[in-house]
Protein backbone atom coordinates (compact mmCIF):
# COMPACT_ATOMS: atom_id res chain seq x y z
CA UNK A 1 106.02 93.17 129.20
CA UNK A 2 105.07 95.16 132.30
CA UNK A 3 108.67 95.01 133.54
CA UNK A 4 109.78 96.67 130.32
CA UNK A 5 107.50 99.67 130.55
CA UNK A 6 110.31 102.26 130.38
CA UNK A 7 111.95 100.68 127.33
CA UNK A 8 108.62 100.34 125.51
CA UNK A 9 107.78 103.93 126.42
CA UNK A 10 111.09 105.02 124.89
CA UNK A 11 110.37 103.02 121.73
CA UNK A 12 106.94 104.66 121.47
CA UNK A 13 108.53 108.09 121.92
CA UNK A 14 110.95 107.38 119.10
CA UNK A 15 108.14 106.38 116.73
CA UNK A 16 105.68 109.07 117.78
CA UNK A 17 108.16 111.95 118.09
CA UNK A 18 111.33 111.31 116.09
CA UNK A 19 109.60 109.55 113.20
CA UNK A 20 106.52 111.78 113.06
CA UNK A 21 107.76 113.60 109.96
CA UNK A 22 108.28 110.34 108.09
CA UNK A 23 105.58 108.83 105.93
CA UNK A 24 103.52 105.93 107.23
CA UNK A 25 105.11 103.77 104.52
CA UNK A 26 108.62 104.64 105.76
CA UNK A 27 107.63 103.89 109.36
CA UNK A 28 106.08 100.57 108.35
CA UNK A 29 109.18 99.68 106.32
CA UNK A 30 111.37 100.54 109.31
CA UNK A 31 109.27 98.51 111.74
CA UNK A 32 109.13 95.58 109.29
CA UNK A 33 112.95 95.49 109.21
CA UNK A 34 113.05 95.83 112.99
CA UNK A 35 110.68 92.88 113.39
CA UNK A 36 112.68 90.83 110.91
CA UNK A 37 115.95 91.45 112.76
CA UNK A 38 114.43 90.67 116.16
CA UNK A 39 112.54 87.63 114.86
CA UNK A 40 115.75 86.20 113.44
CA UNK A 41 117.44 86.42 116.83
CA UNK A 42 114.38 85.00 118.56
CA UNK A 43 114.20 82.08 116.11
CA UNK A 44 117.96 81.44 116.10
CA UNK A 45 119.28 82.59 119.50
CA UNK A 46 122.55 80.68 119.21
CA UNK A 47 123.49 81.76 115.67
CA UNK A 48 125.86 84.72 115.65
CA UNK A 49 125.09 85.68 112.05
CA UNK A 50 121.69 87.00 113.14
CA UNK A 51 123.21 89.03 115.96
CA UNK A 52 125.22 91.44 113.87
CA UNK A 53 124.62 93.72 110.92
CA UNK A 54 127.14 95.57 108.81
CA UNK A 55 126.65 99.23 109.58
CA UNK A 56 127.03 99.94 105.86
CA UNK A 57 124.33 97.43 104.89
CA UNK A 58 122.18 99.26 102.34
CA UNK A 59 119.07 97.21 103.08
CA UNK A 60 119.20 97.92 106.80
CA UNK A 61 120.34 101.54 106.51
CA UNK A 62 117.58 102.29 103.98
CA UNK A 63 114.89 100.79 106.21
CA UNK A 64 116.14 101.85 109.63
CA UNK A 65 118.14 104.90 108.62
CA UNK A 66 115.39 106.38 106.45
CA UNK A 67 113.06 107.60 109.17
CA UNK A 68 114.68 109.75 111.83
CA UNK A 69 115.17 107.64 114.94
CA UNK A 70 115.00 104.27 113.17
CA UNK A 71 118.42 103.14 114.33
CA UNK A 72 117.61 104.32 117.86
CA UNK A 73 114.99 101.55 118.03
CA UNK A 74 117.86 99.07 117.88
CA UNK A 75 120.15 100.89 120.29
CA UNK A 76 117.42 101.24 122.96
CA UNK A 77 117.08 97.46 123.31
CA UNK A 78 120.69 96.36 123.39
CA UNK A 79 122.27 96.74 119.97
CA UNK A 80 125.67 98.48 120.00
CA UNK A 81 128.20 99.58 117.41
CA UNK A 82 131.40 97.53 117.43
CA UNK A 83 134.41 97.37 115.16
CA UNK A 84 135.01 93.79 114.09
CA UNK A 85 137.17 92.58 111.26
CA UNK A 86 138.10 96.22 110.45
CA UNK A 87 134.44 97.14 109.82
CA UNK A 88 131.72 98.75 111.89
CA UNK A 89 128.95 96.38 112.86
CA UNK A 90 125.76 96.82 114.82
CA UNK A 91 125.83 93.92 117.28
CA UNK A 92 123.10 92.47 119.49
CA UNK A 93 124.26 92.42 123.12
CA UNK A 94 120.89 92.81 124.78
CA UNK A 95 118.71 90.56 126.88
CA UNK A 96 116.24 88.13 125.34
CA UNK A 97 113.35 89.24 127.55
CA UNK A 98 113.79 92.81 126.31
CA UNK A 99 113.95 91.52 122.72
CA UNK A 100 110.68 89.59 123.20
CA UNK A 101 108.94 92.67 124.63
CA UNK A 102 110.25 94.92 121.84
CA UNK A 103 109.28 92.39 119.18
CA UNK A 104 105.70 92.10 120.48
CA UNK A 105 105.46 95.90 120.70
CA UNK A 106 106.77 96.37 117.15
CA UNK A 107 104.35 93.82 115.70
CA UNK A 108 101.43 95.62 117.36
CA UNK A 109 102.75 99.02 116.27
CA UNK A 110 102.93 97.92 112.63
CA UNK A 111 99.25 97.00 112.75
CA UNK A 112 98.29 100.34 114.32
CA UNK A 113 100.33 102.35 111.78
CA UNK A 114 98.79 100.34 108.93
CA UNK A 115 95.30 101.02 110.31
CA UNK A 116 96.12 104.71 110.66
CA UNK A 117 97.37 104.81 107.07
CA UNK A 118 94.26 102.99 105.83
CA UNK A 119 91.99 105.39 107.73
CA UNK A 120 93.87 108.38 106.33
CA UNK A 121 93.62 106.95 102.82
CA UNK A 122 89.88 106.35 103.12
CA UNK A 123 89.39 109.87 104.55
CA UNK A 124 91.40 111.31 101.67
CA UNK A 125 89.37 109.27 99.18
CA UNK A 126 86.10 110.44 100.74
CA UNK A 127 87.28 114.06 100.62
CA UNK A 128 88.33 113.67 96.98
CA UNK A 129 84.91 112.18 96.09
CA UNK A 130 83.17 115.03 97.88
CA UNK A 131 85.30 117.58 96.03
CA UNK A 132 84.66 115.82 92.70
CA UNK A 133 80.90 115.92 93.34
CA UNK A 134 81.14 119.62 94.21
CA UNK A 135 83.06 120.35 91.00
CA UNK A 136 80.52 118.39 88.91
CA UNK A 137 77.62 120.28 90.50
CA UNK A 138 79.41 123.54 89.88
CA UNK A 139 79.94 122.62 86.21
CA UNK A 140 76.24 121.78 85.82
CA UNK A 141 75.25 125.09 87.40
CA UNK A 142 77.59 127.02 85.09
CA UNK A 143 76.26 125.14 82.05
CA UNK A 144 72.65 125.86 83.04
CA UNK A 145 73.49 129.52 83.58
CA UNK A 146 75.18 129.74 80.16
CA UNK A 147 72.19 128.10 78.45
CA UNK A 148 69.80 130.47 80.22
CA UNK A 149 71.93 133.48 79.24
CA UNK A 150 72.04 132.27 75.61
CA UNK A 151 68.25 131.85 75.54
CA UNK A 152 67.78 135.32 76.97
CA UNK A 153 70.13 136.85 74.38
CA UNK A 154 69.06 134.85 71.33
CA UNK A 155 65.55 133.79 72.12
CA UNK A 156 64.34 130.25 72.61
CA UNK A 157 65.32 127.68 70.01
């Protein structure tokens, strides 16, 4: 993986810069598809069906085309656009060692994005609980003040 530092740095830049406006769920979905595509090639290196994707494929374009820069993850490691059989295809023409490095990176990145999302969710939940407690305390204070004002105006019951 050390020999692939520049490529991995470019992949990180894509995720951290280009995709930064996308939701964590969209990034995870994109990386899941990326891992699936790369894993298929790794598991079946001699099968051509795993080395090309229809450019119009809804499943792939939704996952990789959703976040800005998603398709760039493919192009950085050796996927290219080719016209075959009168259609545009995204075809794997890269090197297996680069694919292995990118696959390992993507699997680790999914875990870190999931952890980030979980931490953000728990922080949001804690903030919501704190706000709910504040609102409840405020309601109690208002109720006590109203009761006190009523007693002062109408005498004790």
